[in-house]
Amino acid sequence: GPGSRLDAKLVHTLPCFTFTDSAHHKAGETCAICLEDYRFGESLRLLPCQHAFHLNCIDSWLTKWGTSCPVCKHDIRTETMS
């Protein structure tokens, strides 16, 4: 229901980076939302729990479906809204 989604403006404050290799984050090689492998040069967004996803995938997830990390269920609001 209402309140269980994140405002897009808040989502856009989360850090993003360009995928070059998987050494510097816990994202691995695959986006857990679309299940596609990351390709060199793609934009990823990093959540407070250090899981990363395709920018478009996670932005859509957080604004339409919920406020938690799709992988570990960590609620993003506990860090960004306190």
Protein backbone atom coordinates (compact mmCIF):
# COMPACT_ATOMS: atom_id res chain seq x y z
CA GLY A 1 0.00 0.00 0.00
CA PRO A 2 0.96 3.64 0.25
CA GLY A 3 4.17 4.26 2.12
CA SER A 4 5.75 0.98 1.08
CA ARG A 5 7.53 2.54 -1.89
CA LEU A 6 10.40 4.97 -2.02
CA ASP A 7 10.17 8.43 -3.49
CA ALA A 8 12.14 8.65 -6.72
CA LYS A 9 14.04 11.66 -5.40
CA LEU A 10 15.27 9.57 -2.48
CA VAL A 11 16.23 6.68 -4.75
CA HIS A 12 18.32 9.07 -6.81
CA THR A 13 20.37 10.03 -3.75
CA LEU A 14 21.74 6.47 -3.51
CA PRO A 15 25.26 6.12 -4.93
CA CYS A 16 25.78 4.78 -8.42
CA PHE A 17 28.88 3.69 -10.27
CA THR A 18 29.96 2.29 -13.62
CA PHE A 19 30.53 -1.45 -13.73
CA THR A 20 34.10 -2.31 -14.61
CA ASP A 21 34.66 -5.45 -12.53
CA SER A 22 33.12 -7.08 -9.48
CA ALA A 23 36.12 -6.69 -7.19
CA HIS A 24 34.97 -3.57 -5.35
CA HIS A 25 31.41 -4.52 -4.36
CA LYS A 26 29.28 -7.48 -3.41
CA ALA A 27 27.07 -7.38 -6.46
CA GLY A 28 28.76 -10.31 -8.12
CA GLU A 29 28.34 -10.53 -11.87
CA THR A 30 24.57 -10.68 -12.21
CA CYS A 31 21.69 -8.33 -11.45
CA ALA A 32 19.37 -10.12 -9.01
CA ILE A 33 16.35 -8.28 -10.42
CA CYS A 34 16.61 -8.95 -14.17
CA LEU A 35 19.08 -11.86 -13.83
CA GLU A 36 21.22 -10.45 -16.63
CA ASP A 37 25.00 -10.38 -16.30
CA TYR A 38 26.53 -6.95 -15.87
CA ARG A 39 28.39 -5.64 -18.89
CA PHE A 40 31.38 -3.34 -18.83
CA GLY A 41 30.29 0.30 -18.69
CA GLU A 42 26.76 -0.26 -17.36
CA SER A 43 25.47 1.96 -14.57
CA LEU A 44 24.80 0.22 -11.26
CA ARG A 45 23.28 1.60 -8.08
CA LEU A 46 24.66 0.65 -4.69
CA LEU A 47 22.32 0.20 -1.72
CA PRO A 48 23.32 0.86 1.92
CA CYS A 49 23.63 -2.91 2.42
CA GLN A 50 26.33 -2.90 -0.30
CA HIS A 51 24.29 -4.91 -2.80
CA ALA A 52 24.27 -3.40 -6.28
CA PHE A 53 21.87 -3.66 -9.21
CA HIS A 54 21.35 -2.19 -12.66
CA LEU A 55 20.37 1.45 -12.22
CA ASN A 56 17.07 1.07 -14.06
CA CYS A 57 16.19 -2.21 -12.36
CA ILE A 58 16.65 -1.01 -8.79
CA ASP A 59 15.10 2.40 -9.44
CA SER A 60 12.00 0.71 -10.80
CA TRP A 61 11.97 -1.84 -7.96
CA LEU A 62 12.22 0.77 -5.21
CA THR A 63 9.67 3.18 -6.65
CA LYS A 64 7.09 0.57 -7.68
CA TRP A 65 7.49 -2.53 -5.52
CA GLY A 66 9.06 -1.89 -2.16
CA THR A 67 11.67 -0.31 0.05
CA SER A 68 13.84 -3.35 0.73
CA CYS A 69 16.88 -4.79 -0.98
CA PRO A 70 15.68 -7.62 -3.27
CA VAL A 71 18.58 -9.78 -2.08
CA CYS A 72 18.83 -9.37 1.69
CA LYS A 73 15.52 -7.59 2.44
CA HIS A 74 17.32 -4.80 4.28
CA ASP A 75 14.91 -1.85 4.44
CA ILE A 76 16.61 1.11 2.82
CA ARG A 77 14.51 3.57 4.81
CA THR A 78 16.25 2.59 8.04
CA GLU A 79 19.42 4.25 6.73
CA THR A 80 18.28 7.01 4.40
CA MET A 81 15.44 8.46 6.46
CA SER A 82 16.89 8.45 9.96
